[in-house]
Amino acid sequence: MKKGSGKTAKRQAQPQRPSAKPARRPVNAVFLVGFMGAGKTSVGRALGQRLNCIFEDLDDRIEAREGRTVAEIFRDAGESEFRRAEHAALEHALAELQGGVAKITALGGGAFVQKENAALLKASGVPTVFLDAPVEELWQRCSRQASESGAERPLLQSREQFRKLYETRRRSYSKAALQVQTGGRPVEEVAAEIARTLGLKKIALRSEQGEVE
């Protein structure tokens, strides 16, 4: 009896292990990736309006944090400095999302190609959506936008270089959680497909972080 009681006491003395709590997944948080001209901004805005949440272009956050434009960062400090600023801005954006902010974020064409950024996004659990279209349509969209805005875009100086860069980056884009075609499709249709596939629902109230753009 005494021996048995000792075993019982020993069992009772063992502390219980706390159950692991699953990481909190942000609600209505999505990152849009893809090549230039894929429609990340237009689709992102439409998706934000559909879900009643904020849309942000990560490049805008970079410029606000650095106090200069993306073009100025490239010109004055080079691509390595821009990638550093880009990664820091992404970390900051993800920290906000973990706090419960509902936001659709568009990444620059080269952001998801960087392995450290892709790893950061995967670890966060926030879904990434690859917006794609035939490369010829991407070229035409970008050429039209540049013509209308009067902006000079180095990548548009050579159709062949444009195609090669697209094909190189596409391999990285394809690792996104979801791929959606935008070629020849209305923006609202694409936004609706993303919301339906990911099970995203319209939120009742706008985030206190700001209004939908």
N, C-alpha and C. Protein backbone atom coordinates (compact mmCIF):
# COMPACT_ATOMS: atom_id res chain seq x y z
N MET A 1 0.83 -1.21 0.00
CA MET A 1 0.00 0.00 0.00
C MET A 1 0.86 1.26 0.00
N LYS A 2 1.89 1.26 0.86
CA LYS A 2 2.74 2.44 0.94
C LYS A 2 3.47 2.67 -0.38
N LYS A 3 3.92 1.52 -0.99
CA LYS A 3 4.63 1.63 -2.25
C LYS A 3 3.73 2.17 -3.34
N GLY A 4 2.49 1.65 -3.39
CA GLY A 4 1.53 2.14 -4.38
C GLY A 4 1.20 3.60 -4.17
N SER A 5 1.07 4.02 -2.92
CA SER A 5 0.74 5.41 -2.62
C SER A 5 1.84 6.33 -3.10
N GLY A 6 3.08 5.85 -3.02
CA GLY A 6 4.22 6.66 -3.48
C GLY A 6 4.14 6.92 -4.96
N LYS A 7 3.76 5.89 -5.72
CA LYS A 7 3.64 6.06 -7.16
C LYS A 7 2.56 7.07 -7.51
N THR A 8 1.44 6.96 -6.76
CA THR A 8 0.34 7.89 -7.02
C THR A 8 0.75 9.31 -6.74
N ALA A 9 1.47 9.48 -5.63
CA ALA A 9 1.93 10.82 -5.26
C ALA A 9 2.88 11.37 -6.31
N LYS A 10 3.73 10.45 -6.84
CA LYS A 10 4.70 10.89 -7.84
C LYS A 10 4.01 11.36 -9.11
N ARG A 11 2.95 10.60 -9.47
CA ARG A 11 2.20 10.98 -10.67
C ARG A 11 1.50 12.32 -10.48
N GLN A 12 0.97 12.54 -9.31
CA GLN A 12 0.25 13.78 -9.04
C GLN A 12 1.20 14.97 -8.99
N ALA A 13 2.45 14.72 -8.65
CA ALA A 13 3.40 15.81 -8.52
C ALA A 13 3.91 16.31 -9.87
N GLN A 14 3.72 15.49 -10.93
CA GLN A 14 4.21 15.90 -12.24
C GLN A 14 3.38 17.05 -12.80
N PRO A 15 4.02 18.14 -13.18
CA PRO A 15 3.27 19.29 -13.70
C PRO A 15 2.67 18.97 -15.06
N GLN A 16 1.53 19.52 -15.35
CA GLN A 16 0.88 19.32 -16.63
C GLN A 16 1.48 20.26 -17.68
N ARG A 17 1.70 19.73 -18.87
CA ARG A 17 2.24 20.55 -19.94
C ARG A 17 1.16 21.44 -20.53
N PRO A 18 1.44 22.71 -20.68
CA PRO A 18 0.43 23.60 -21.26
C PRO A 18 0.21 23.24 -22.73
N SER A 19 -1.04 23.29 -23.15
CA SER A 19 -1.36 22.97 -24.55
C SER A 19 -0.87 24.10 -25.45
N ALA A 20 -0.30 23.72 -26.60
CA ALA A 20 0.23 24.72 -27.53
C ALA A 20 -0.91 25.49 -28.18
N LYS A 21 -0.79 26.79 -28.23
CA LYS A 21 -1.81 27.63 -28.85
C LYS A 21 -1.42 27.93 -30.29
N PRO A 22 -2.35 27.74 -31.20
CA PRO A 22 -2.03 28.00 -32.61
C PRO A 22 -1.75 29.48 -32.84
N ALA A 23 -0.83 29.77 -33.76
CA ALA A 23 -0.51 31.17 -34.05
C ALA A 23 -1.74 31.87 -34.59
N ARG A 24 -1.91 33.09 -34.21
CA ARG A 24 -3.06 33.86 -34.67
C ARG A 24 -2.88 34.24 -36.13
N ARG A 25 -3.85 33.87 -36.96
CA ARG A 25 -3.77 34.19 -38.37
C ARG A 25 -4.55 35.46 -38.65
N PRO A 26 -3.92 36.44 -39.28
CA PRO A 26 -4.60 37.69 -39.57
C PRO A 26 -5.86 37.46 -40.40
N VAL A 27 -6.90 38.23 -40.11
CA VAL A 27 -8.15 38.13 -40.86
C VAL A 27 -8.10 39.09 -42.05
N ASN A 28 -8.51 38.59 -43.22
CA ASN A 28 -8.54 39.42 -44.43
C ASN A 28 -7.19 40.09 -44.71
N ALA A 29 -6.15 39.32 -44.62
CA ALA A 29 -4.82 39.81 -44.97
C ALA A 29 -4.31 38.98 -46.15
N VAL A 30 -3.91 39.66 -47.21
CA VAL A 30 -3.45 38.99 -48.42
C VAL A 30 -2.30 39.78 -49.02
N PHE A 31 -1.29 39.07 -49.55
CA PHE A 31 -0.21 39.73 -50.28
C PHE A 31 -0.32 39.33 -51.74
N LEU A 32 -0.33 40.33 -52.62
CA LEU A 32 -0.41 40.11 -54.05
C LEU A 32 0.98 40.21 -54.65
N VAL A 33 1.38 39.21 -55.43
CA VAL A 33 2.69 39.20 -56.06
C VAL A 33 2.52 39.00 -57.56
N GLY A 34 3.56 39.35 -58.30
CA GLY A 34 3.49 39.18 -59.74
C GLY A 34 4.35 40.20 -60.47
N PHE A 35 4.45 40.02 -61.77
CA PHE A 35 5.28 40.89 -62.60
C PHE A 35 4.61 42.24 -62.82
N MET A 36 5.38 43.21 -63.30
CA MET A 36 4.81 44.52 -63.59
C MET A 36 3.72 44.38 -64.65
N GLY A 37 2.62 45.09 -64.44
CA GLY A 37 1.52 45.03 -65.38
C GLY A 37 0.51 43.93 -65.08
N ALA A 38 0.77 43.12 -64.05
CA ALA A 38 -0.12 42.00 -63.74
C ALA A 38 -1.45 42.45 -63.13
N GLY A 39 -1.50 43.68 -62.63
CA GLY A 39 -2.74 44.19 -62.05
C GLY A 39 -2.78 44.17 -60.54
N LYS A 40 -1.62 44.15 -59.90
CA LYS A 40 -1.58 44.06 -58.43
C LYS A 40 -2.27 45.25 -57.77
N THR A 41 -2.04 46.44 -58.29
CA THR A 41 -2.65 47.63 -57.68
C THR A 41 -4.14 47.69 -57.94
N SER A 42 -4.56 47.52 -59.19
CA SER A 42 -5.98 47.61 -59.51
C SER A 42 -6.79 46.50 -58.85
N VAL A 43 -6.26 45.29 -58.86
CA VAL A 43 -6.95 44.18 -58.21
C VAL A 43 -6.93 44.36 -56.70
N GLY A 44 -5.82 44.84 -56.16
CA GLY A 44 -5.72 45.07 -54.73
C GLY A 44 -6.73 46.08 -54.24
N ARG A 45 -6.90 47.16 -54.97
CA ARG A 45 -7.89 48.18 -54.60
C ARG A 45 -9.30 47.61 -54.66
N ALA A 46 -9.58 46.85 -55.72
CA ALA A 46 -10.91 46.26 -55.87
C ALA A 46 -11.20 45.26 -54.76
N LEU A 47 -10.20 44.47 -54.39
CA LEU A 47 -10.37 43.49 -53.33
C LEU A 47 -10.56 44.18 -51.98
N GLY A 48 -9.82 45.26 -51.77
CA GLY A 48 -9.98 46.03 -50.53
C GLY A 48 -11.38 46.61 -50.41
N GLN A 49 -11.90 47.14 -51.49
CA GLN A 49 -13.25 47.69 -51.47
C GLN A 49 -14.29 46.59 -51.26
N ARG A 50 -14.07 45.44 -51.87
CA ARG A 50 -15.00 44.32 -51.72
C ARG A 50 -15.06 43.84 -50.28
N LEU A 51 -13.91 43.82 -49.62
CA LEU A 51 -13.82 43.30 -48.25
C LEU A 51 -13.94 44.39 -47.19
N ASN A 52 -14.01 45.64 -47.64
CA ASN A 52 -14.10 46.77 -46.72
C ASN A 52 -12.86 46.90 -45.85
N CYS A 53 -11.70 46.71 -46.47
CA CYS A 53 -10.46 46.86 -45.72
C CYS A 53 -9.43 47.65 -46.55
N ILE A 54 -8.31 47.94 -45.97
CA ILE A 54 -7.31 48.83 -46.54
C ILE A 54 -6.50 48.15 -47.63
N PHE A 55 -6.11 48.92 -48.64
CA PHE A 55 -5.15 48.45 -49.63
C PHE A 55 -3.87 49.26 -49.48
N GLU A 56 -2.73 48.59 -49.59
CA GLU A 56 -1.44 49.29 -49.51
C GLU A 56 -0.47 48.70 -50.52
N ASP A 57 0.29 49.57 -51.16
CA ASP A 57 1.41 49.15 -51.99
C ASP A 57 2.65 49.22 -51.11
N LEU A 58 3.39 48.12 -51.02
CA LEU A 58 4.55 48.11 -50.12
C LEU A 58 5.57 49.18 -50.50
N ASP A 59 5.66 49.53 -51.78
CA ASP A 59 6.59 50.59 -52.19
C ASP A 59 6.24 51.92 -51.53
N ASP A 60 4.95 52.17 -51.31
CA ASP A 60 4.53 53.41 -50.63
C ASP A 60 5.03 53.42 -49.18
N ARG A 61 4.97 52.26 -48.55
CA ARG A 61 5.46 52.16 -47.17
C ARG A 61 6.98 52.37 -47.13
N ILE A 62 7.68 51.81 -48.11
CA ILE A 62 9.13 51.97 -48.18
C ILE A 62 9.48 53.45 -48.31
N GLU A 63 8.79 54.15 -49.21
CA GLU A 63 9.07 55.57 -49.43
C GLU A 63 8.78 56.40 -48.19
N ALA A 64 7.70 56.06 -47.47
CA ALA A 64 7.36 56.80 -46.25
C ALA A 64 8.40 56.57 -45.16
N ARG A 65 8.90 55.35 -45.04
CA ARG A 65 9.89 55.02 -44.02
C ARG A 65 11.26 55.60 -44.34
N GLU A 66 11.61 55.62 -45.64
CA GLU A 66 12.93 56.06 -46.05
C GLU A 66 13.01 57.56 -46.35
N GLY A 67 11.86 58.19 -46.55
CA GLY A 67 11.85 59.62 -46.85
C GLY A 67 12.33 59.97 -48.24
N ARG A 68 12.26 59.03 -49.17
CA ARG A 68 12.64 59.26 -50.56
C ARG A 68 11.96 58.22 -51.44
N THR A 69 11.90 58.49 -52.72
CA THR A 69 11.21 57.59 -53.63
C THR A 69 12.04 56.34 -53.90
N VAL A 70 11.36 55.32 -54.42
CA VAL A 70 12.05 54.09 -54.78
C VAL A 70 13.13 54.39 -55.82
N ALA A 71 12.79 55.22 -56.80
CA ALA A 71 13.75 55.59 -57.84
C ALA A 71 14.98 56.27 -57.25
N GLU A 72 14.77 57.11 -56.24
CA GLU A 72 15.89 57.81 -55.61
C GLU A 72 16.77 56.85 -54.82
N ILE A 73 16.14 55.85 -54.18
CA ILE A 73 16.93 54.86 -53.43
C ILE A 73 17.82 54.08 -54.39
N PHE A 74 17.25 53.65 -55.51
CA PHE A 74 18.03 52.92 -56.50
C PHE A 74 19.16 53.79 -57.05
N ARG A 75 18.84 55.04 -57.34
CA ARG A 75 19.82 55.94 -57.95
C ARG A 75 20.94 56.29 -56.98
N ASP A 76 20.59 56.59 -55.74
CA ASP A 76 21.60 57.07 -54.78
C ASP A 76 22.33 55.97 -54.02
N ALA A 77 21.66 54.83 -53.81
CA ALA A 77 22.26 53.81 -52.95
C ALA A 77 22.33 52.43 -53.59
N GLY A 78 21.66 52.22 -54.71
CA GLY A 78 21.73 50.93 -55.40
C GLY A 78 20.67 49.94 -54.95
N GLU A 79 20.61 48.83 -55.67
CA GLU A 79 19.56 47.84 -55.40
C GLU A 79 19.70 47.19 -54.04
N SER A 80 20.93 46.93 -53.58
CA SER A 80 21.11 46.25 -52.29
C SER A 80 20.49 47.05 -51.15
N GLU A 81 20.64 48.38 -51.21
CA GLU A 81 20.04 49.23 -50.17
C GLU A 81 18.53 49.21 -50.28
N PHE A 82 18.02 49.19 -51.50
CA PHE A 82 16.56 49.13 -51.68
C PHE A 82 16.02 47.82 -51.12
N ARG A 83 16.69 46.70 -51.39
CA ARG A 83 16.22 45.41 -50.89
C ARG A 83 16.24 45.36 -49.37
N ARG A 84 17.22 46.02 -48.76
CA ARG A 84 17.25 46.10 -47.29
C ARG A 84 16.03 46.84 -46.79
N ALA A 85 15.75 48.00 -47.41
CA ALA A 85 14.60 48.80 -47.01
C ALA A 85 13.29 48.06 -47.26
N GLU A 86 13.25 47.32 -48.35
CA GLU A 86 12.06 46.56 -48.71
C GLU A 86 11.78 45.48 -47.66
N HIS A 87 12.82 44.76 -47.27
CA HIS A 87 12.66 43.69 -46.28
C HIS A 87 12.22 44.26 -44.93
N ALA A 88 12.80 45.39 -44.54
CA ALA A 88 12.42 46.02 -43.27
C ALA A 88 10.97 46.47 -43.31
N ALA A 89 10.53 47.01 -44.45
CA ALA A 89 9.14 47.46 -44.59
C ALA A 89 8.19 46.27 -44.53
N LEU A 90 8.60 45.15 -45.11
CA LEU A 90 7.76 43.94 -45.07
C LEU A 90 7.63 43.42 -43.65
N GLU A 91 8.72 43.41 -42.92
CA GLU A 91 8.67 42.97 -41.52
C GLU A 91 7.72 43.86 -40.72
N HIS A 92 7.77 45.14 -40.96
CA HIS A 92 6.91 46.09 -40.25
C HIS A 92 5.44 45.86 -40.61
N ALA A 93 5.18 45.62 -41.89
CA ALA A 93 3.81 45.38 -42.35
C ALA A 93 3.25 44.10 -41.73
N LEU A 94 4.06 43.06 -41.66
CA LEU A 94 3.61 41.80 -41.08
C LEU A 94 3.34 41.92 -39.58
N ALA A 95 4.13 42.73 -38.92
CA ALA A 95 3.92 42.94 -37.49
C ALA A 95 2.57 43.61 -37.25
N GLU A 96 2.20 44.53 -38.12
CA GLU A 96 0.89 45.18 -38.01
C GLU A 96 -0.24 44.18 -38.23
N LEU A 97 -0.06 43.31 -39.20
CA LEU A 97 -1.10 42.33 -39.51
C LEU A 97 -1.32 41.38 -38.34
N GLN A 98 -0.25 41.01 -37.65
CA GLN A 98 -0.38 40.12 -36.50
C GLN A 98 -1.18 40.79 -35.39
N GLY A 99 -1.26 42.11 -35.43
CA GLY A 99 -2.05 42.84 -34.45
C GLY A 99 -3.52 42.90 -34.81
N GLY A 100 -3.88 42.32 -35.97
CA GLY A 100 -5.29 42.25 -36.34
C GLY A 100 -5.74 43.20 -37.42
N VAL A 101 -4.82 43.93 -38.04
CA VAL A 101 -5.20 44.87 -39.09
C VAL A 101 -5.62 44.10 -40.35
N ALA A 102 -6.73 44.49 -40.95
CA ALA A 102 -7.19 43.88 -42.20
C ALA A 102 -6.62 44.70 -43.36
N LYS A 103 -5.83 44.05 -44.21
CA LYS A 103 -5.16 44.82 -45.26
C LYS A 103 -4.78 43.94 -46.44
N ILE A 104 -4.93 44.50 -47.64
CA ILE A 104 -4.47 43.86 -48.86
C ILE A 104 -3.20 44.60 -49.27
N THR A 105 -2.11 43.87 -49.47
CA THR A 105 -0.83 44.50 -49.77
C THR A 105 -0.28 44.00 -51.10
N ALA A 106 0.12 44.93 -51.95
CA ALA A 106 0.75 44.59 -53.22
C ALA A 106 2.26 44.72 -53.07
N LEU A 107 2.99 43.70 -53.49
CA LEU A 107 4.44 43.73 -53.43
C LEU A 107 5.03 44.15 -54.76
N GLY A 108 6.19 44.78 -54.72
CA GLY A 108 6.90 45.13 -55.94
C GLY A 108 7.27 43.88 -56.71
N GLY A 109 7.54 44.03 -58.01
CA GLY A 109 7.81 42.88 -58.85
C GLY A 109 8.96 42.00 -58.41
N GLY A 110 9.96 42.58 -57.71
CA GLY A 110 11.11 41.79 -57.30
C GLY A 110 11.08 41.33 -55.86
N ALA A 111 10.07 41.75 -55.09
CA ALA A 111 10.05 41.47 -53.65
C ALA A 111 9.94 39.98 -53.34
N PHE A 112 9.00 39.30 -53.97
CA PHE A 112 8.75 37.89 -53.66
C PHE A 112 9.87 37.00 -54.20
N VAL A 113 10.67 37.54 -55.10
CA VAL A 113 11.79 36.79 -55.68
C VAL A 113 12.91 36.64 -54.65
N GLN A 114 12.99 37.60 -53.71
CA GLN A 114 14.02 37.55 -52.67
C GLN A 114 13.69 36.44 -51.68
N LYS A 115 14.60 35.50 -51.49
CA LYS A 115 14.34 34.33 -50.67
C LYS A 115 13.97 34.68 -49.24
N GLU A 116 14.63 35.71 -48.67
CA GLU A 116 14.34 36.07 -47.29
C GLU A 116 12.92 36.62 -47.14
N ASN A 117 12.44 37.31 -48.17
CA ASN A 117 11.07 37.83 -48.13
C ASN A 117 10.05 36.69 -48.26
N ALA A 118 10.32 35.78 -49.19
CA ALA A 118 9.42 34.65 -49.39
C ALA A 118 9.33 33.80 -48.12
N ALA A 119 10.47 33.60 -47.45
CA ALA A 119 10.49 32.82 -46.21
C ALA A 119 9.71 33.52 -45.11
N LEU A 120 9.85 34.83 -45.04
CA LEU A 120 9.15 35.62 -44.03
C LEU A 120 7.64 35.51 -44.23
N LEU A 121 7.20 35.60 -45.48
CA LEU A 121 5.78 35.52 -45.78
C LEU A 121 5.23 34.13 -45.49
N LYS A 122 5.99 33.10 -45.83
CA LYS A 122 5.54 31.74 -45.58
C LYS A 122 5.37 31.47 -44.09
N ALA A 123 6.33 31.96 -43.30
CA ALA A 123 6.28 31.76 -41.86
C ALA A 123 5.11 32.51 -41.22
N SER A 124 4.69 33.59 -41.83
CA SER A 124 3.61 34.41 -41.26
C SER A 124 2.25 33.75 -41.38
N GLY A 125 2.09 32.87 -42.37
CA GLY A 125 0.80 32.23 -42.58
C GLY A 125 -0.18 33.07 -43.38
N VAL A 126 0.23 34.27 -43.78
CA VAL A 126 -0.64 35.14 -44.59
C VAL A 126 -0.60 34.64 -46.03
N PRO A 127 -1.75 34.42 -46.66
CA PRO A 127 -1.75 33.90 -48.03
C PRO A 127 -1.15 34.86 -49.04
N THR A 128 -0.42 34.29 -50.00
CA THR A 128 0.14 35.05 -51.10
C THR A 128 -0.57 34.64 -52.38
N VAL A 129 -0.87 35.62 -53.22
CA VAL A 129 -1.60 35.36 -54.46
C VAL A 129 -0.77 35.87 -55.64
N PHE A 130 -0.47 34.97 -56.56
CA PHE A 130 0.28 35.30 -57.76
C PHE A 130 -0.68 35.70 -58.87
N LEU A 131 -0.65 36.96 -59.25
CA LEU A 131 -1.45 37.44 -60.38
C LEU A 131 -0.62 37.32 -61.64
N ASP A 132 -1.14 36.62 -62.63
CA ASP A 132 -0.38 36.35 -63.85
C ASP A 132 -1.21 36.67 -65.09
N ALA A 133 -0.51 36.87 -66.19
CA ALA A 133 -1.13 37.12 -67.49
C ALA A 133 -0.10 36.79 -68.56
N PRO A 134 -0.53 36.55 -69.78
CA PRO A 134 0.44 36.30 -70.86
C PRO A 134 1.44 37.44 -70.95
N VAL A 135 2.71 37.11 -71.16
CA VAL A 135 3.75 38.13 -71.13
C VAL A 135 3.51 39.22 -72.17
N GLU A 136 2.93 38.88 -73.30
CA GLU A 136 2.66 39.90 -74.32
C GLU A 136 1.63 40.91 -73.84
N GLU A 137 0.65 40.42 -73.10
CA GLU A 137 -0.35 41.33 -72.54
C GLU A 137 0.27 42.20 -71.45
N LEU A 138 1.17 41.64 -70.66
CA LEU A 138 1.87 42.43 -69.64
C LEU A 138 2.67 43.55 -70.30
N TRP A 139 3.35 43.23 -71.39
CA TRP A 139 4.13 44.22 -72.13
C TRP A 139 3.23 45.35 -72.64
N GLN A 140 2.10 44.99 -73.21
CA GLN A 140 1.18 45.98 -73.75
C GLN A 140 0.60 46.87 -72.65
N ARG A 141 0.23 46.28 -71.54
CA ARG A 141 -0.30 47.05 -70.42
C ARG A 141 0.73 48.07 -69.92
N CYS A 142 1.96 47.59 -69.71
CA CYS A 142 3.02 48.46 -69.19
C CYS A 142 3.36 49.56 -70.18
N SER A 143 3.40 49.24 -71.44
CA SER A 143 3.70 50.24 -72.47
C SER A 143 2.62 51.30 -72.51
N ARG A 144 1.39 50.88 -72.41
CA ARG A 144 0.27 51.83 -72.42
C ARG A 144 0.31 52.74 -71.19
N GLN A 145 0.56 52.15 -70.02
CA GLN A 145 0.63 52.93 -68.78
C GLN A 145 1.77 53.94 -68.82
N ALA A 146 2.91 53.52 -69.35
CA ALA A 146 4.07 54.41 -69.44
C ALA A 146 3.78 55.56 -70.40
N SER A 147 3.09 55.24 -71.49
CA SER A 147 2.76 56.27 -72.47
C SER A 147 1.79 57.29 -71.90
N GLU A 148 0.81 56.81 -71.14
CA GLU A 148 -0.19 57.69 -70.56
C GLU A 148 0.37 58.57 -69.45
N SER A 149 1.32 58.02 -68.68
CA SER A 149 1.88 58.76 -67.55
C SER A 149 3.13 59.56 -67.92
N GLY A 150 3.72 59.21 -69.06
CA GLY A 150 4.95 59.89 -69.47
C GLY A 150 6.16 59.43 -68.69
N ALA A 151 6.02 58.33 -67.95
CA ALA A 151 7.13 57.82 -67.14
C ALA A 151 8.06 56.97 -67.97
N GLU A 152 9.35 57.03 -67.64
CA GLU A 152 10.34 56.20 -68.31
C GLU A 152 10.60 54.96 -67.47
N ARG A 153 10.44 53.79 -68.08
CA ARG A 153 10.65 52.53 -67.38
C ARG A 153 11.72 51.76 -68.12
N PRO A 154 12.88 51.57 -67.50
CA PRO A 154 14.01 50.88 -68.15
C PRO A 154 13.65 49.51 -68.72
N LEU A 155 12.77 48.79 -68.04
CA LEU A 155 12.42 47.44 -68.50
C LEU A 155 11.66 47.45 -69.82
N LEU A 156 11.15 48.62 -70.20
CA LEU A 156 10.38 48.68 -71.45
C LEU A 156 11.24 49.06 -72.65
N GLN A 157 12.53 49.13 -72.45
CA GLN A 157 13.42 49.48 -73.56
C GLN A 157 13.67 48.29 -74.48
N SER A 158 13.45 47.08 -73.97
CA SER A 158 13.68 45.89 -74.78
C SER A 158 12.61 44.85 -74.49
N ARG A 159 11.83 44.49 -75.50
CA ARG A 159 10.79 43.48 -75.33
C ARG A 159 11.40 42.13 -74.92
N GLU A 160 12.57 41.81 -75.48
CA GLU A 160 13.21 40.53 -75.19
C GLU A 160 13.70 40.48 -73.74
N GLN A 161 14.29 41.57 -73.25
CA GLN A 161 14.74 41.61 -71.86
C GLN A 161 13.53 41.53 -70.91
N PHE A 162 12.45 42.18 -71.29
CA PHE A 162 11.21 42.15 -70.52
C PHE A 162 10.73 40.70 -70.38
N ARG A 163 10.73 39.97 -71.49
CA ARG A 163 10.27 38.59 -71.50
C ARG A 163 11.18 37.69 -70.65
N LYS A 164 12.48 37.89 -70.79
CA LYS A 164 13.44 37.05 -70.05
C LYS A 164 13.30 37.25 -68.54
N LEU A 165 13.15 38.51 -68.13
CA LEU A 165 13.00 38.79 -66.70
C LEU A 165 11.70 38.19 -66.17
N TYR A 166 10.64 38.31 -66.96
CA TYR A 166 9.35 37.72 -66.57
C TYR A 166 9.50 36.22 -66.36
N GLU A 167 10.12 35.54 -67.32
CA GLU A 167 10.27 34.08 -67.24
C GLU A 167 11.13 33.67 -66.05
N THR A 168 12.14 34.47 -65.75
CA THR A 168 13.02 34.18 -64.60
C THR A 168 12.26 34.33 -63.29
N ARG A 169 11.52 35.44 -63.16
CA ARG A 169 10.80 35.71 -61.92
C ARG A 169 9.58 34.82 -61.74
N ARG A 170 9.01 34.37 -62.83
CA ARG A 170 7.79 33.58 -62.75
C ARG A 170 7.99 32.31 -61.94
N ARG A 171 9.17 31.75 -61.96
CA ARG A 171 9.45 30.54 -61.19
C ARG A 171 9.28 30.80 -59.69
N SER A 172 9.66 31.99 -59.27
CA SER A 172 9.49 32.34 -57.85
C SER A 172 8.02 32.67 -57.55
N TYR A 173 7.38 33.41 -58.45
CA TYR A 173 5.97 33.75 -58.25
C TYR A 173 5.11 32.50 -58.10
N SER A 174 5.47 31.45 -58.83
CA SER A 174 4.67 30.22 -58.84
C SER A 174 4.64 29.52 -57.49
N LYS A 175 5.49 29.93 -56.56
CA LYS A 175 5.51 29.34 -55.23
C LYS A 175 4.46 29.97 -54.31
N ALA A 176 3.74 30.96 -54.80
CA ALA A 176 2.68 31.60 -54.01
C ALA A 176 1.58 30.58 -53.70
N ALA A 177 0.80 30.85 -52.68
CA ALA A 177 -0.24 29.91 -52.26
C ALA A 177 -1.35 29.75 -53.30
N LEU A 178 -1.62 30.81 -54.04
CA LEU A 178 -2.70 30.79 -55.02
C LEU A 178 -2.27 31.53 -56.28
N GLN A 179 -2.63 31.00 -57.43
CA GLN A 179 -2.33 31.66 -58.70
C GLN A 179 -3.64 32.00 -59.40
N VAL A 180 -3.75 33.24 -59.85
CA VAL A 180 -4.97 33.71 -60.51
C VAL A 180 -4.60 34.43 -61.80
N GLN A 181 -5.27 34.08 -62.86
CA GLN A 181 -5.04 34.71 -64.16
C GLN A 181 -5.81 36.03 -64.26
N THR A 182 -5.14 37.07 -64.74
CA THR A 182 -5.79 38.37 -64.92
C THR A 182 -5.95 38.73 -66.39
N GLY A 183 -5.34 37.95 -67.28
CA GLY A 183 -5.36 38.26 -68.70
C GLY A 183 -6.77 38.35 -69.27
N GLY A 184 -7.12 39.50 -69.83
CA GLY A 184 -8.40 39.69 -70.48
C GLY A 184 -9.60 39.62 -69.56
N ARG A 185 -9.39 39.78 -68.25
CA ARG A 185 -10.49 39.66 -67.29
C ARG A 185 -10.74 40.99 -66.57
N PRO A 186 -12.01 41.30 -66.26
CA PRO A 186 -12.32 42.50 -65.48
C PRO A 186 -11.71 42.40 -64.08
N VAL A 187 -11.29 43.53 -63.56
CA VAL A 187 -10.66 43.58 -62.24
C VAL A 187 -11.59 43.02 -61.16
N GLU A 188 -12.86 43.38 -61.21
CA GLU A 188 -13.81 42.92 -60.19
C GLU A 188 -13.96 41.40 -60.20
N GLU A 189 -13.88 40.82 -61.37
CA GLU A 189 -14.00 39.36 -61.49
C GLU A 189 -12.82 38.67 -60.82
N VAL A 190 -11.64 39.23 -61.03
CA VAL A 190 -10.43 38.67 -60.41
C VAL A 190 -10.51 38.80 -58.89
N ALA A 191 -10.93 39.97 -58.41
CA ALA A 191 -11.04 40.19 -56.96
C ALA A 191 -12.05 39.23 -56.35
N ALA A 192 -13.15 39.00 -57.05
CA ALA A 192 -14.18 38.09 -56.54
C ALA A 192 -13.65 36.66 -56.45
N GLU A 193 -12.84 36.26 -57.42
CA GLU A 193 -12.26 34.90 -57.40
C GLU A 193 -11.33 34.72 -56.21
N ILE A 194 -10.51 35.73 -55.95
CA ILE A 194 -9.58 35.65 -54.82
C ILE A 194 -10.35 35.54 -53.51
N ALA A 195 -11.34 36.38 -53.32
CA ALA A 195 -12.13 36.36 -52.09
C ALA A 195 -12.84 35.03 -51.90
N ARG A 196 -13.40 34.52 -52.99
CA ARG A 196 -14.13 33.24 -52.92
C ARG A 196 -13.19 32.08 -52.62
N THR A 197 -12.06 32.01 -53.31
CA THR A 197 -11.12 30.90 -53.14
C THR A 197 -10.50 30.88 -51.75
N LEU A 198 -10.18 32.05 -51.22
CA LEU A 198 -9.54 32.13 -49.90
C LEU A 198 -10.56 32.21 -48.76
N GLY A 199 -11.83 32.29 -49.10
CA GLY A 199 -12.86 32.36 -48.08
C GLY A 199 -12.86 33.66 -47.31
N LEU A 200 -12.53 34.75 -47.99
CA LEU A 200 -12.48 36.07 -47.34
C LEU A 200 -13.87 36.69 -47.29
N LYS A 201 -14.22 37.27 -46.16
CA LYS A 201 -15.53 37.87 -45.97
C LYS A 201 -15.42 39.37 -45.73
N LYS A 202 -16.44 40.09 -46.14
CA LYS A 202 -16.46 41.54 -45.93
C LYS A 202 -16.58 41.83 -44.45
N ILE A 203 -15.72 42.71 -43.95
CA ILE A 203 -15.77 43.04 -42.53
C ILE A 203 -16.81 44.12 -42.29
N ALA A 204 -17.39 44.12 -41.09
CA ALA A 204 -18.51 45.01 -40.80
C ALA A 204 -18.06 46.46 -40.65
N LEU A 205 -16.87 46.65 -40.08
CA LEU A 205 -16.39 48.00 -39.81
C LEU A 205 -15.05 48.23 -40.48
N ARG A 206 -14.80 49.48 -40.86
CA ARG A 206 -13.49 49.84 -41.42
C ARG A 206 -12.45 49.83 -40.30
N SER A 207 -11.24 49.45 -40.64
CA SER A 207 -10.17 49.43 -39.66
C SER A 207 -9.89 50.84 -39.17
N GLU A 208 -9.49 50.95 -37.92
CA GLU A 208 -9.12 52.26 -37.38
C GLU A 208 -7.82 52.76 -37.94
N GLN A 209 -7.12 51.86 -38.67
CA GLN A 209 -5.83 52.25 -39.24
C GLN A 209 -6.00 53.20 -40.42
N GLY A 210 -7.21 53.27 -41.00
CA GLY A 210 -7.39 54.18 -42.13
C GLY A 210 -8.56 53.75 -42.99
N GLU A 211 -8.89 54.56 -43.98
CA GLU A 211 -10.00 54.27 -44.86
C GLU A 211 -9.51 53.45 -46.05
N VAL A 212 -10.47 52.79 -46.69
CA VAL A 212 -10.15 52.07 -47.91
C VAL A 212 -9.79 53.07 -49.00
N GLU A 213 -8.68 52.81 -49.66
CA GLU A 213 -8.26 53.73 -50.71
C GLU A 213 -9.05 53.47 -51.99
